[in-house]
Amino acid sequence: MRDVSGMDHEFLALERELAVFLRRARASSGEMAREVHPDLEPAAYGLLLRLEDAGEQRATELAGYFGVGKATMSRQLRALESLGLIARRPDPADGRASLVTLTPEGRTRFTAVRGARRAQYVRKLEGWDRREIAELARLLHRLNAL
């Protein structure tokens, strides 16, 4: 269905719901980041999540994954490194590059917070069927892959 401005109703609804979702996600990431470390910026929580899930990565791979520039990624990684949450080591495949990984302290702090966040999702979605949750995850993955 199109409204008077010629825009599809479905896309307007999608825009509205994504705006709310993203706003809440940013606030939630900020809370989670502060629980990992009081000085951690909200965007860094996603970096920790990626390193936990995918293992050690080059900074350029992380920048590409998140769609940010090398300078932004470098700044965020320096902050994480100064907090003792990540470490870098030379990449054996290319001595000019380094691999980024969680430190034991970073993994411990992140895992505790991630467990609490997962429990929060379970509580919020307790009335949902598991297939609905799987479908939501599938559709979000599809959207993120664009």
N, C-alpha and C. Protein backbone atom coordinates (compact mmCIF):
# COMPACT_ATOMS: atom_id res chain seq x y z
N MET A 1 0.85 -1.17 0.00
CA MET A 1 0.00 0.00 0.00
C MET A 1 0.90 1.24 0.00
N ARG A 2 0.51 2.24 -0.80
CA ARG A 2 1.27 3.50 -0.85
C ARG A 2 0.48 4.59 -0.13
N ASP A 3 1.23 5.45 0.57
CA ASP A 3 0.57 6.58 1.21
C ASP A 3 0.54 7.76 0.23
N VAL A 4 0.06 8.90 0.69
CA VAL A 4 -0.11 10.06 -0.19
C VAL A 4 1.20 10.57 -0.77
N SER A 5 2.30 10.35 -0.11
CA SER A 5 3.59 10.82 -0.63
C SER A 5 4.19 9.81 -1.61
N GLY A 6 3.50 8.71 -1.85
CA GLY A 6 3.98 7.72 -2.80
C GLY A 6 4.94 6.70 -2.19
N MET A 7 5.15 6.75 -0.87
CA MET A 7 6.06 5.80 -0.22
C MET A 7 5.30 4.56 0.20
N ASP A 8 5.94 3.43 0.06
CA ASP A 8 5.33 2.17 0.48
C ASP A 8 5.16 2.15 2.00
N HIS A 9 3.97 1.79 2.43
CA HIS A 9 3.66 1.69 3.86
C HIS A 9 4.62 0.74 4.57
N GLU A 10 4.96 -0.38 3.92
CA GLU A 10 5.83 -1.38 4.53
C GLU A 10 7.23 -0.81 4.81
N PHE A 11 7.73 0.02 3.88
CA PHE A 11 9.06 0.58 4.08
C PHE A 11 9.06 1.68 5.14
N LEU A 12 7.97 2.39 5.23
CA LEU A 12 7.84 3.39 6.31
C LEU A 12 7.80 2.69 7.66
N ALA A 13 7.05 1.60 7.74
CA ALA A 13 6.97 0.83 8.99
C ALA A 13 8.34 0.25 9.34
N LEU A 14 9.06 -0.26 8.33
CA LEU A 14 10.39 -0.80 8.56
C LEU A 14 11.33 0.28 9.08
N GLU A 15 11.29 1.46 8.46
CA GLU A 15 12.14 2.56 8.90
C GLU A 15 11.85 2.93 10.36
N ARG A 16 10.58 3.02 10.70
CA ARG A 16 10.18 3.39 12.06
C ARG A 16 10.67 2.34 13.07
N GLU A 17 10.44 1.07 12.77
CA GLU A 17 10.82 0.02 13.71
C GLU A 17 12.34 -0.13 13.83
N LEU A 18 13.04 0.03 12.71
CA LEU A 18 14.51 -0.02 12.78
C LEU A 18 15.07 1.15 13.58
N ALA A 19 14.47 2.32 13.45
CA ALA A 19 14.94 3.49 14.21
C ALA A 19 14.82 3.23 15.71
N VAL A 20 13.69 2.68 16.13
CA VAL A 20 13.49 2.36 17.55
C VAL A 20 14.48 1.28 17.99
N PHE A 21 14.58 0.24 17.17
CA PHE A 21 15.48 -0.88 17.48
C PHE A 21 16.92 -0.40 17.63
N LEU A 22 17.39 0.41 16.67
CA LEU A 22 18.77 0.88 16.71
C LEU A 22 19.03 1.79 17.91
N ARG A 23 18.08 2.63 18.22
CA ARG A 23 18.22 3.51 19.38
C ARG A 23 18.35 2.69 20.66
N ARG A 24 17.49 1.69 20.80
CA ARG A 24 17.55 0.83 21.99
C ARG A 24 18.82 -0.01 22.00
N ALA A 25 19.25 -0.47 20.83
CA ALA A 25 20.47 -1.27 20.75
C ALA A 25 21.68 -0.45 21.17
N ARG A 26 21.75 0.82 20.73
CA ARG A 26 22.87 1.68 21.12
C ARG A 26 22.88 1.89 22.64
N ALA A 27 21.72 2.12 23.20
CA ALA A 27 21.65 2.32 24.65
C ALA A 27 22.07 1.05 25.38
N SER A 28 21.60 -0.09 24.90
CA SER A 28 21.94 -1.36 25.52
C SER A 28 23.43 -1.66 25.39
N SER A 29 24.01 -1.39 24.22
CA SER A 29 25.45 -1.61 24.03
C SER A 29 26.25 -0.71 24.97
N GLY A 30 25.78 0.49 25.19
CA GLY A 30 26.46 1.39 26.13
C GLY A 30 26.45 0.82 27.53
N GLU A 31 25.31 0.29 27.94
CA GLU A 31 25.21 -0.32 29.27
C GLU A 31 26.13 -1.53 29.38
N MET A 32 26.09 -2.38 28.35
CA MET A 32 26.92 -3.58 28.37
C MET A 32 28.41 -3.21 28.36
N ALA A 33 28.78 -2.23 27.57
CA ALA A 33 30.17 -1.80 27.51
C ALA A 33 30.64 -1.32 28.88
N ARG A 34 29.82 -0.53 29.55
CA ARG A 34 30.20 -0.03 30.88
C ARG A 34 30.30 -1.16 31.90
N GLU A 35 29.52 -2.22 31.70
CA GLU A 35 29.63 -3.37 32.61
C GLU A 35 30.92 -4.14 32.38
N VAL A 36 31.38 -4.18 31.13
CA VAL A 36 32.66 -4.83 30.85
C VAL A 36 33.78 -4.01 31.48
N HIS A 37 33.73 -2.69 31.28
CA HIS A 37 34.72 -1.78 31.87
C HIS A 37 34.11 -0.39 31.88
N PRO A 38 34.19 0.33 33.00
CA PRO A 38 33.57 1.65 33.09
C PRO A 38 34.02 2.65 32.03
N ASP A 39 35.24 2.48 31.50
CA ASP A 39 35.77 3.43 30.51
C ASP A 39 35.57 2.97 29.06
N LEU A 40 34.85 1.88 28.87
CA LEU A 40 34.68 1.33 27.53
C LEU A 40 33.58 2.08 26.79
N GLU A 41 33.87 2.49 25.54
CA GLU A 41 32.85 3.18 24.75
C GLU A 41 31.89 2.16 24.15
N PRO A 42 30.63 2.55 23.92
CA PRO A 42 29.60 1.61 23.45
C PRO A 42 29.96 0.82 22.20
N ALA A 43 30.59 1.45 21.22
CA ALA A 43 30.92 0.76 19.97
C ALA A 43 31.89 -0.39 20.20
N ALA A 44 32.66 -0.33 21.26
CA ALA A 44 33.68 -1.34 21.52
C ALA A 44 33.07 -2.68 21.93
N TYR A 45 31.85 -2.67 22.45
CA TYR A 45 31.22 -3.93 22.84
C TYR A 45 31.10 -4.85 21.63
N GLY A 46 30.70 -4.29 20.49
CA GLY A 46 30.58 -5.08 19.27
C GLY A 46 31.92 -5.66 18.82
N LEU A 47 33.00 -4.94 19.04
CA LEU A 47 34.33 -5.46 18.71
C LEU A 47 34.67 -6.67 19.57
N LEU A 48 34.37 -6.57 20.84
CA LEU A 48 34.63 -7.70 21.73
C LEU A 48 33.79 -8.91 21.31
N LEU A 49 32.54 -8.64 20.96
CA LEU A 49 31.65 -9.71 20.51
C LEU A 49 32.22 -10.40 19.27
N ARG A 50 32.68 -9.62 18.31
CA ARG A 50 33.25 -10.18 17.08
C ARG A 50 34.50 -11.00 17.37
N LEU A 51 35.37 -10.50 18.23
CA LEU A 51 36.59 -11.23 18.56
C LEU A 51 36.28 -12.52 19.31
N GLU A 52 35.29 -12.50 20.15
CA GLU A 52 34.89 -13.71 20.87
C GLU A 52 34.32 -14.74 19.90
N ASP A 53 33.48 -14.29 18.98
CA ASP A 53 32.83 -15.22 18.04
C ASP A 53 33.76 -15.71 16.93
N ALA A 54 34.57 -14.82 16.37
CA ALA A 54 35.35 -15.16 15.18
C ALA A 54 36.82 -15.47 15.49
N GLY A 55 37.26 -15.18 16.70
CA GLY A 55 38.67 -15.39 17.02
C GLY A 55 39.51 -14.22 16.57
N GLU A 56 40.82 -14.41 16.66
CA GLU A 56 41.70 -13.29 16.35
C GLU A 56 41.56 -12.85 14.89
N GLN A 57 41.69 -11.55 14.70
CA GLN A 57 41.48 -10.94 13.40
C GLN A 57 42.49 -9.82 13.19
N ARG A 58 42.71 -9.48 11.94
CA ARG A 58 43.46 -8.27 11.62
C ARG A 58 42.54 -7.07 11.80
N ALA A 59 43.13 -5.93 12.10
CA ALA A 59 42.35 -4.71 12.25
C ALA A 59 41.59 -4.39 10.97
N THR A 60 42.22 -4.64 9.82
CA THR A 60 41.55 -4.35 8.54
C THR A 60 40.32 -5.24 8.34
N GLU A 61 40.39 -6.48 8.82
CA GLU A 61 39.23 -7.37 8.73
C GLU A 61 38.09 -6.86 9.62
N LEU A 62 38.46 -6.41 10.80
CA LEU A 62 37.44 -5.86 11.72
C LEU A 62 36.82 -4.60 11.13
N ALA A 63 37.65 -3.72 10.58
CA ALA A 63 37.13 -2.49 9.98
C ALA A 63 36.17 -2.81 8.84
N GLY A 64 36.53 -3.77 8.01
CA GLY A 64 35.66 -4.18 6.91
C GLY A 64 34.36 -4.79 7.40
N TYR A 65 34.45 -5.61 8.42
CA TYR A 65 33.25 -6.26 8.97
C TYR A 65 32.25 -5.22 9.49
N PHE A 66 32.77 -4.20 10.18
CA PHE A 66 31.89 -3.19 10.76
C PHE A 66 31.62 -2.00 9.84
N GLY A 67 32.31 -1.96 8.71
CA GLY A 67 32.08 -0.88 7.77
C GLY A 67 32.58 0.47 8.25
N VAL A 68 33.73 0.45 8.95
CA VAL A 68 34.34 1.70 9.42
C VAL A 68 35.73 1.84 8.82
N GLY A 69 36.27 3.02 8.89
CA GLY A 69 37.60 3.27 8.36
C GLY A 69 38.69 2.71 9.26
N LYS A 70 39.88 2.59 8.66
CA LYS A 70 41.03 2.06 9.41
C LYS A 70 41.38 2.94 10.61
N ALA A 71 41.27 4.27 10.44
CA ALA A 71 41.61 5.18 11.53
C ALA A 71 40.65 4.99 12.71
N THR A 72 39.37 4.85 12.42
CA THR A 72 38.38 4.63 13.48
C THR A 72 38.67 3.33 14.20
N MET A 73 38.93 2.27 13.43
CA MET A 73 39.21 0.97 14.04
C MET A 73 40.48 1.03 14.87
N SER A 74 41.50 1.68 14.36
CA SER A 74 42.76 1.80 15.09
C SER A 74 42.55 2.49 16.43
N ARG A 75 41.78 3.58 16.42
CA ARG A 75 41.50 4.31 17.67
C ARG A 75 40.76 3.43 18.66
N GLN A 76 39.75 2.69 18.19
CA GLN A 76 38.97 1.83 19.08
C GLN A 76 39.84 0.70 19.64
N LEU A 77 40.69 0.14 18.80
CA LEU A 77 41.56 -0.94 19.27
C LEU A 77 42.59 -0.43 20.28
N ARG A 78 43.13 0.76 20.05
CA ARG A 78 44.07 1.34 21.02
C ARG A 78 43.40 1.49 22.38
N ALA A 79 42.14 1.95 22.38
CA ALA A 79 41.42 2.12 23.64
C ALA A 79 41.23 0.77 24.34
N LEU A 80 40.85 -0.25 23.59
CA LEU A 80 40.67 -1.58 24.17
C LEU A 80 41.98 -2.14 24.70
N GLU A 81 43.04 -1.90 23.97
CA GLU A 81 44.36 -2.37 24.38
C GLU A 81 44.80 -1.67 25.66
N SER A 82 44.56 -0.37 25.75
CA SER A 82 44.97 0.38 26.95
C SER A 82 44.20 -0.07 28.19
N LEU A 83 43.01 -0.63 27.97
CA LEU A 83 42.21 -1.14 29.10
C LEU A 83 42.57 -2.59 29.43
N GLY A 84 43.46 -3.18 28.65
CA GLY A 84 43.89 -4.55 28.90
C GLY A 84 42.89 -5.60 28.43
N LEU A 85 41.98 -5.22 27.53
CA LEU A 85 40.94 -6.15 27.08
C LEU A 85 41.32 -6.90 25.81
N ILE A 86 42.23 -6.34 25.03
CA ILE A 86 42.73 -7.02 23.83
C ILE A 86 44.24 -6.96 23.81
N ALA A 87 44.82 -7.82 22.98
CA ALA A 87 46.27 -7.81 22.75
C ALA A 87 46.50 -7.99 21.26
N ARG A 88 47.66 -7.55 20.82
CA ARG A 88 48.05 -7.73 19.41
C ARG A 88 49.32 -8.56 19.36
N ARG A 89 49.41 -9.35 18.28
CA ARG A 89 50.63 -10.10 18.04
C ARG A 89 50.91 -10.07 16.54
N PRO A 90 52.17 -10.18 16.16
CA PRO A 90 52.48 -10.15 14.73
C PRO A 90 51.75 -11.27 13.98
N ASP A 91 51.26 -10.95 12.81
CA ASP A 91 50.61 -11.94 11.96
C ASP A 91 51.69 -12.78 11.30
N PRO A 92 51.73 -14.10 11.56
CA PRO A 92 52.78 -14.92 10.97
C PRO A 92 52.74 -14.94 9.44
N ALA A 93 51.57 -14.66 8.85
CA ALA A 93 51.44 -14.66 7.40
C ALA A 93 51.94 -13.36 6.77
N ASP A 94 52.03 -12.30 7.59
CA ASP A 94 52.45 -10.99 7.08
C ASP A 94 53.00 -10.19 8.25
N GLY A 95 54.31 -10.12 8.34
CA GLY A 95 54.96 -9.46 9.47
C GLY A 95 54.62 -7.99 9.64
N ARG A 96 54.08 -7.36 8.58
CA ARG A 96 53.71 -5.94 8.68
C ARG A 96 52.38 -5.75 9.41
N ALA A 97 51.60 -6.81 9.48
CA ALA A 97 50.26 -6.73 10.10
C ALA A 97 50.30 -7.42 11.46
N SER A 98 49.27 -7.13 12.25
CA SER A 98 49.14 -7.82 13.53
C SER A 98 47.74 -8.39 13.66
N LEU A 99 47.66 -9.39 14.51
CA LEU A 99 46.38 -10.02 14.82
C LEU A 99 45.92 -9.54 16.18
N VAL A 100 44.62 -9.29 16.28
CA VAL A 100 44.02 -8.78 17.51
C VAL A 100 43.24 -9.91 18.15
N THR A 101 43.39 -10.06 19.45
CA THR A 101 42.67 -11.10 20.18
C THR A 101 42.27 -10.59 21.56
N LEU A 102 41.29 -11.24 22.14
CA LEU A 102 40.90 -10.90 23.52
C LEU A 102 41.99 -11.38 24.48
N THR A 103 42.26 -10.61 25.50
CA THR A 103 43.14 -11.07 26.57
C THR A 103 42.30 -11.96 27.49
N PRO A 104 42.94 -12.75 28.35
CA PRO A 104 42.15 -13.53 29.31
C PRO A 104 41.22 -12.64 30.15
N GLU A 105 41.72 -11.47 30.56
CA GLU A 105 40.88 -10.53 31.32
C GLU A 105 39.72 -10.03 30.48
N GLY A 106 39.98 -9.71 29.22
CA GLY A 106 38.93 -9.25 28.33
C GLY A 106 37.88 -10.32 28.10
N ARG A 107 38.33 -11.56 27.91
CA ARG A 107 37.40 -12.67 27.70
C ARG A 107 36.53 -12.91 28.94
N THR A 108 37.16 -12.87 30.11
CA THR A 108 36.42 -13.10 31.36
C THR A 108 35.34 -12.03 31.56
N ARG A 109 35.73 -10.77 31.40
CA ARG A 109 34.77 -9.66 31.57
C ARG A 109 33.66 -9.73 30.52
N PHE A 110 34.04 -9.95 29.26
CA PHE A 110 33.06 -9.99 28.19
C PHE A 110 32.09 -11.16 28.37
N THR A 111 32.60 -12.34 28.70
CA THR A 111 31.76 -13.53 28.85
C THR A 111 30.71 -13.34 29.94
N ALA A 112 31.10 -12.73 31.04
CA ALA A 112 30.14 -12.49 32.13
C ALA A 112 29.01 -11.57 31.67
N VAL A 113 29.36 -10.51 30.98
CA VAL A 113 28.36 -9.55 30.51
C VAL A 113 27.50 -10.17 29.41
N ARG A 114 28.12 -10.93 28.52
CA ARG A 114 27.36 -11.57 27.44
C ARG A 114 26.34 -12.55 28.02
N GLY A 115 26.72 -13.28 29.04
CA GLY A 115 25.78 -14.20 29.68
C GLY A 115 24.58 -13.46 30.27
N ALA A 116 24.84 -12.32 30.88
CA ALA A 116 23.75 -11.52 31.45
C ALA A 116 22.85 -10.98 30.34
N ARG A 117 23.44 -10.57 29.24
CA ARG A 117 22.66 -10.05 28.11
C ARG A 117 21.80 -11.16 27.51
N ARG A 118 22.36 -12.33 27.36
CA ARG A 118 21.61 -13.45 26.80
C ARG A 118 20.43 -13.81 27.71
N ALA A 119 20.64 -13.77 29.01
CA ALA A 119 19.55 -14.04 29.95
C ALA A 119 18.45 -13.00 29.80
N GLN A 120 18.83 -11.77 29.51
CA GLN A 120 17.87 -10.70 29.29
C GLN A 120 17.02 -10.98 28.04
N TYR A 121 17.67 -11.44 26.98
CA TYR A 121 16.93 -11.81 25.76
C TYR A 121 15.95 -12.94 26.05
N VAL A 122 16.40 -13.92 26.80
CA VAL A 122 15.54 -15.06 27.12
C VAL A 122 14.30 -14.57 27.87
N ARG A 123 14.48 -13.68 28.83
CA ARG A 123 13.33 -13.15 29.58
C ARG A 123 12.39 -12.35 28.68
N LYS A 124 12.96 -11.48 27.85
CA LYS A 124 12.13 -10.62 27.01
C LYS A 124 11.37 -11.41 25.94
N LEU A 125 11.95 -12.50 25.48
CA LEU A 125 11.34 -13.26 24.39
C LEU A 125 10.74 -14.59 24.87
N GLU A 126 10.46 -14.69 26.17
CA GLU A 126 9.96 -15.96 26.69
C GLU A 126 8.61 -16.37 26.10
N GLY A 127 7.83 -15.41 25.62
CA GLY A 127 6.55 -15.74 25.01
C GLY A 127 6.64 -16.09 23.54
N TRP A 128 7.82 -15.97 22.97
CA TRP A 128 8.01 -16.27 21.56
C TRP A 128 8.30 -17.76 21.37
N ASP A 129 7.86 -18.27 20.25
CA ASP A 129 8.20 -19.63 19.83
C ASP A 129 9.66 -19.63 19.37
N ARG A 130 10.38 -20.71 19.61
CA ARG A 130 11.79 -20.80 19.19
C ARG A 130 11.95 -20.59 17.69
N ARG A 131 10.97 -21.05 16.90
CA ARG A 131 11.04 -20.86 15.45
C ARG A 131 10.97 -19.37 15.10
N GLU A 132 10.19 -18.59 15.85
CA GLU A 132 10.11 -17.15 15.62
C GLU A 132 11.45 -16.48 15.92
N ILE A 133 12.10 -16.91 16.99
CA ILE A 133 13.40 -16.36 17.35
C ILE A 133 14.42 -16.71 16.27
N ALA A 134 14.39 -17.94 15.81
CA ALA A 134 15.30 -18.36 14.74
C ALA A 134 15.04 -17.57 13.46
N GLU A 135 13.77 -17.32 13.15
CA GLU A 135 13.42 -16.56 11.96
C GLU A 135 13.88 -15.11 12.08
N LEU A 136 13.71 -14.52 13.25
CA LEU A 136 14.20 -13.15 13.47
C LEU A 136 15.72 -13.10 13.27
N ALA A 137 16.43 -14.06 13.85
CA ALA A 137 17.89 -14.09 13.70
C ALA A 137 18.26 -14.26 12.22
N ARG A 138 17.54 -15.11 11.51
CA ARG A 138 17.83 -15.33 10.09
C ARG A 138 17.62 -14.05 9.28
N LEU A 139 16.51 -13.36 9.54
CA LEU A 139 16.21 -12.14 8.80
C LEU A 139 17.19 -11.01 9.14
N LEU A 140 17.57 -10.90 10.39
CA LEU A 140 18.57 -9.88 10.77
C LEU A 140 19.91 -10.19 10.11
N HIS A 141 20.28 -11.46 10.06
CA HIS A 141 21.52 -11.86 9.39
C HIS A 141 21.46 -11.48 7.91
N ARG A 142 20.33 -11.73 7.30
CA ARG A 142 20.15 -11.39 5.90
C ARG A 142 20.27 -9.87 5.67
N LEU A 143 19.66 -9.10 6.57
CA LEU A 143 19.75 -7.64 6.48
C LEU A 143 21.18 -7.17 6.68
N ASN A 144 21.87 -7.73 7.67
CA ASN A 144 23.25 -7.34 7.95
C ASN A 144 24.20 -7.71 6.82
N ALA A 145 23.84 -8.70 6.03
CA ALA A 145 24.71 -9.14 4.94
C ALA A 145 24.63 -8.22 3.72
N LEU A 146 23.65 -7.30 3.69
CA LEU A 146 23.51 -6.41 2.53
C LEU A 146 24.69 -5.47 2.40
